[in-house]
Amino acid sequence: PRSTLFPYTTLFRSISDEFFMLNDIMINGKKSELIVINAEVDKDDRYVEMGSPRVKVPALQPSVPMRILGVYFTQKKGDTHNRSLIKTEIAKFSRIFNRKRINISQLSYLVNTVLIPRIEYHLKCTIWEDSVYDTLFRPILRAAKRKLGLSSNMHNNIVTHLVIANITSLWKNQIAAQITEFTVLLNSLSRACNLLTIRLRQAQMDLDRK
């Protein structure tokens, strides 16, 4: 019911208003978005009022992603939106360099310094099987093989080899990035570290029972 949701939205609104006032920020309610997870209220009551003057901001649909600092989230469980995002990002990148007459060294530089970091940032909260990364990154590897004059069915290790093309593997990059984030979080003094420790201990006990 509306009465159940009202105290929380009022508290949220007062905290956000105070933050914006302290930082001298004028919030545009028309450009604001709201995501509701595990909602216990009717669809008509899933909204907040933001900005000055007040603007009603309804909750996004379950499958519509919302961007938070470059990372996309949805109310709906799953990572389909992230797969579509990365696929679109790679396709857009491929269209750009396919129209340009660049050599393999230039392509390698653009992939390693522009595309890979963008994908890594988008996938901060996503972990996939290696086969998913390989499938998504296939257009880049195929283009690199064309630049080298190789057949498309040649092994990918040729393209990612340090001495030949030196294109960073998307899967290996994500593994390194996730391990780094995991290590930093595990050695931090934060609530997130405490939660991670609890989850790890729970996983250890679950494995011991098997």
Protein backbone atom coordinates (compact mmCIF):
# COMPACT_ATOMS: atom_id res chain seq x y z
CA PRO A 1 0.00 0.00 0.00
CA ARG A 2 0.93 3.62 -0.48
CA SER A 3 1.16 4.23 3.29
CA THR A 4 3.87 1.54 3.58
CA LEU A 5 6.01 3.02 0.82
CA PHE A 6 5.55 6.68 1.79
CA PRO A 7 7.96 6.85 4.80
CA TYR A 8 10.79 5.32 2.79
CA THR A 9 10.34 7.55 -0.25
CA THR A 10 10.09 10.59 2.00
CA LEU A 11 13.33 9.64 3.79
CA PHE A 12 15.08 8.92 0.50
CA ARG A 13 13.93 12.25 -0.93
CA SER A 14 15.04 14.24 2.12
CA ILE A 15 18.50 12.63 2.11
CA SER A 16 18.98 13.22 -1.62
CA ASP A 17 17.77 16.83 -1.34
CA GLU A 18 20.25 17.46 1.47
CA PHE A 19 23.09 15.94 -0.56
CA PHE A 20 22.28 18.05 -3.63
CA MET A 21 21.98 21.20 -1.55
CA LEU A 22 25.33 20.65 0.20
CA ASN A 23 27.06 20.10 -3.13
CA ASP A 24 25.23 22.97 -4.86
CA ILE A 25 23.65 20.65 -7.44
CA MET A 26 20.33 21.24 -9.18
CA ILE A 27 18.76 17.88 -9.97
CA ASN A 28 16.59 17.51 -13.07
CA GLY A 29 13.69 15.28 -12.14
CA LYS A 30 12.78 14.73 -15.79
CA LYS A 31 16.18 13.10 -16.40
CA SER A 32 16.09 10.99 -13.24
CA GLU A 33 15.47 7.23 -13.27
CA LEU A 34 14.25 4.80 -10.64
CA ILE A 35 14.87 1.08 -10.38
CA VAL A 36 12.84 -0.99 -7.91
CA ILE A 37 14.03 -4.46 -6.88
CA ASN A 38 11.86 -6.97 -5.01
CA ALA A 39 8.95 -4.54 -4.96
CA GLU A 40 6.15 -5.19 -2.47
CA VAL A 41 3.82 -2.44 -3.69
CA ASP A 42 1.52 -2.03 -6.68
CA LYS A 43 2.95 -0.75 -9.96
CA ASP A 44 1.07 2.54 -9.60
CA ASP A 45 2.88 3.23 -6.31
CA ARG A 46 6.41 2.56 -7.60
CA TYR A 47 7.66 6.11 -7.99
CA VAL A 48 9.46 8.95 -6.23
CA GLU A 49 9.25 12.72 -6.64
CA MET A 50 12.55 14.40 -7.44
CA GLY A 51 13.89 17.79 -8.45
CA SER A 52 12.67 21.31 -7.97
CA PRO A 53 9.90 21.70 -8.91
CA ARG A 54 8.90 18.16 -8.00
CA VAL A 55 8.65 15.70 -10.88
CA LYS A 56 7.17 12.21 -10.57
CA VAL A 57 9.78 9.59 -11.50
CA PRO A 58 8.16 6.20 -12.15
CA ALA A 59 10.08 2.93 -11.80
CA LEU A 60 11.59 1.48 -14.95
CA GLN A 61 10.19 -1.69 -16.48
CA PRO A 62 11.85 -4.91 -15.20
CA SER A 63 13.82 -5.48 -18.41
CA VAL A 64 14.90 -1.84 -18.95
CA PRO A 65 18.52 -1.26 -17.80
CA MET A 66 19.57 1.74 -15.73
CA ARG A 67 23.10 3.09 -15.85
CA ILE A 68 24.93 3.68 -12.58
CA LEU A 69 28.49 5.01 -13.08
CA GLY A 70 28.86 3.17 -16.38
CA VAL A 71 27.49 -0.15 -15.08
CA TYR A 72 23.99 -1.23 -16.12
CA PHE A 73 21.45 -2.90 -13.84
CA THR A 74 17.89 -4.13 -14.29
CA GLN A 75 15.12 -5.12 -11.95
CA LYS A 76 14.83 -8.41 -13.79
CA LYS A 77 17.24 -11.15 -12.76
CA GLY A 78 19.86 -12.10 -15.32
CA ASP A 79 22.56 -10.54 -17.49
CA THR A 80 20.92 -10.50 -20.92
CA HIS A 81 21.11 -6.71 -21.02
CA ASN A 82 24.88 -6.80 -20.45
CA ARG A 83 25.40 -9.31 -23.24
CA SER A 84 23.43 -7.12 -25.62
CA LEU A 85 25.38 -4.06 -24.49
CA ILE A 86 28.79 -5.65 -25.04
CA LYS A 87 27.72 -7.15 -28.36
CA THR A 88 26.56 -3.72 -29.54
CA GLU A 89 29.76 -2.07 -28.27
CA ILE A 90 31.97 -4.51 -30.16
CA ALA A 91 29.85 -4.28 -33.34
CA LYS A 92 30.05 -0.47 -33.23
CA PHE A 93 33.81 -0.59 -32.74
CA SER A 94 34.18 -3.08 -35.58
CA ARG A 95 32.21 -0.92 -38.01
CA ILE A 96 34.47 2.03 -37.29
CA PHE A 97 37.84 0.36 -37.91
CA ASN A 98 36.58 -1.77 -40.80
CA ARG A 99 36.07 1.46 -42.75
CA LYS A 100 39.59 2.66 -41.93
CA ARG A 101 42.82 1.56 -43.58
CA ILE A 102 44.78 0.67 -40.46
CA ASN A 103 47.44 -1.96 -39.89
CA ILE A 104 47.49 -4.68 -37.23
CA SER A 105 49.61 -2.61 -34.82
CA GLN A 106 47.09 0.23 -34.88
CA LEU A 107 44.21 -2.19 -34.45
CA SER A 108 45.93 -3.85 -31.51
CA TYR A 109 46.53 -0.47 -29.86
CA LEU A 110 42.88 0.59 -30.25
CA VAL A 111 41.54 -2.71 -28.94
CA ASN A 112 43.88 -2.87 -25.93
CA THR A 113 43.63 0.77 -24.87
CA VAL A 114 40.08 1.75 -25.87
CA LEU A 115 37.74 -1.21 -26.32
CA ILE A 116 38.99 -3.60 -23.62
CA PRO A 117 38.95 -1.00 -20.80
CA ARG A 118 35.41 0.08 -21.78
CA ILE A 119 34.15 -3.49 -21.70
CA GLU A 120 35.96 -4.18 -18.42
CA TYR A 121 34.23 -1.21 -16.79
CA HIS A 122 30.79 -2.20 -18.07
CA LEU A 123 31.27 -5.73 -16.68
CA LYS A 124 32.35 -4.73 -13.17
CA CYS A 125 29.50 -6.76 -11.68
CA THR A 126 29.31 -9.55 -14.27
CA ILE A 127 31.09 -12.90 -14.50
CA TRP A 128 30.59 -15.27 -17.43
CA GLU A 129 31.96 -18.54 -18.68
CA ASP A 130 35.00 -18.24 -20.96
CA SER A 131 32.93 -19.41 -23.95
CA VAL A 132 30.66 -16.35 -23.64
CA TYR A 133 33.63 -13.97 -23.77
CA ASP A 134 35.08 -15.82 -26.76
CA THR A 135 31.78 -15.61 -28.66
CA LEU A 136 31.36 -11.90 -28.02
CA PHE A 137 34.98 -11.09 -28.91
CA ARG A 138 34.97 -13.15 -32.10
CA PRO A 139 34.41 -10.18 -34.51
CA ILE A 140 37.58 -8.51 -33.20
CA LEU A 141 39.67 -11.65 -33.59
CA ARG A 142 38.27 -12.22 -37.07
CA ALA A 143 39.17 -8.67 -38.11
CA ALA A 144 42.69 -9.07 -36.72
CA LYS A 145 43.18 -12.24 -38.76
CA ARG A 146 42.12 -10.37 -41.91
CA LYS A 147 44.70 -7.68 -41.16
CA LEU A 148 47.34 -10.40 -40.85
CA GLY A 149 46.19 -12.12 -44.03
CA LEU A 150 45.20 -15.26 -42.15
CA SER A 151 42.26 -17.57 -42.57
CA SER A 152 39.37 -17.01 -40.16
CA ASN A 153 39.66 -20.58 -38.85
CA MET A 154 43.26 -20.11 -37.68
CA HIS A 155 43.81 -20.51 -33.95
CA ASN A 156 43.13 -17.42 -31.84
CA ASN A 157 46.44 -17.79 -30.00
CA ILE A 158 48.16 -16.38 -33.08
CA VAL A 159 46.26 -13.10 -32.71
CA THR A 160 46.76 -12.81 -28.94
CA HIS A 161 50.45 -13.79 -29.06
CA LEU A 162 52.69 -11.08 -27.60
CA VAL A 163 55.10 -11.04 -30.55
CA ILE A 164 52.58 -11.38 -33.41
CA ALA A 165 49.49 -9.17 -32.89
CA ASN A 166 49.44 -8.75 -29.10
CA ILE A 167 45.66 -8.28 -28.87
CA THR A 168 44.48 -8.75 -25.30
CA SER A 169 42.09 -11.65 -24.80
CA LEU A 170 38.78 -10.40 -23.39
CA TRP A 171 38.39 -13.47 -21.21
CA LYS A 172 41.91 -13.28 -19.74
CA ASN A 173 41.54 -9.55 -19.15
CA GLN A 174 38.30 -10.05 -17.25
CA ILE A 175 39.79 -12.85 -15.15
CA ALA A 176 42.72 -10.61 -14.18
CA ALA A 177 40.41 -7.68 -13.42
CA GLN A 178 38.03 -9.76 -11.28
CA ILE A 179 40.89 -11.32 -9.32
CA THR A 180 42.36 -7.88 -8.67
CA GLU A 181 39.01 -6.51 -7.46
CA PHE A 182 38.50 -9.60 -5.30
CA THR A 183 41.93 -9.23 -3.67
CA VAL A 184 41.48 -5.51 -3.01
CA LEU A 185 38.04 -6.06 -1.49
CA LEU A 186 39.17 -8.98 0.65
CA ASN A 187 42.01 -6.90 2.14
CA SER A 188 39.94 -3.78 2.76
CA LEU A 189 38.46 -2.66 6.07
CA SER A 190 34.83 -2.31 5.03
CA ARG A 191 31.40 -3.84 5.39
CA ALA A 192 31.77 -5.26 1.91
CA CYS A 193 34.84 -7.17 3.12
CA ASN A 194 32.87 -8.54 6.09
CA LEU A 195 30.05 -9.67 3.80
CA LEU A 196 32.52 -11.29 1.40
CA THR A 197 34.19 -13.14 4.27
CA ILE A 198 30.83 -14.47 5.46
CA ARG A 199 29.94 -15.64 1.95
CA LEU A 200 33.30 -17.37 1.55
CA ARG A 201 32.95 -19.17 4.87
CA GLN A 202 29.43 -20.23 3.95
CA ALA A 203 30.67 -21.55 0.59
CA GLN A 204 33.44 -23.45 2.38
CA MET A 205 30.94 -25.09 4.74
CA ASP A 206 28.66 -25.97 1.82
CA LEU A 207 31.57 -27.65 0.01
CA ASP A 208 32.55 -29.58 3.15
CA ARG A 209 29.06 -31.08 3.34
CA LYS A 210 29.30 -32.52 -0.21
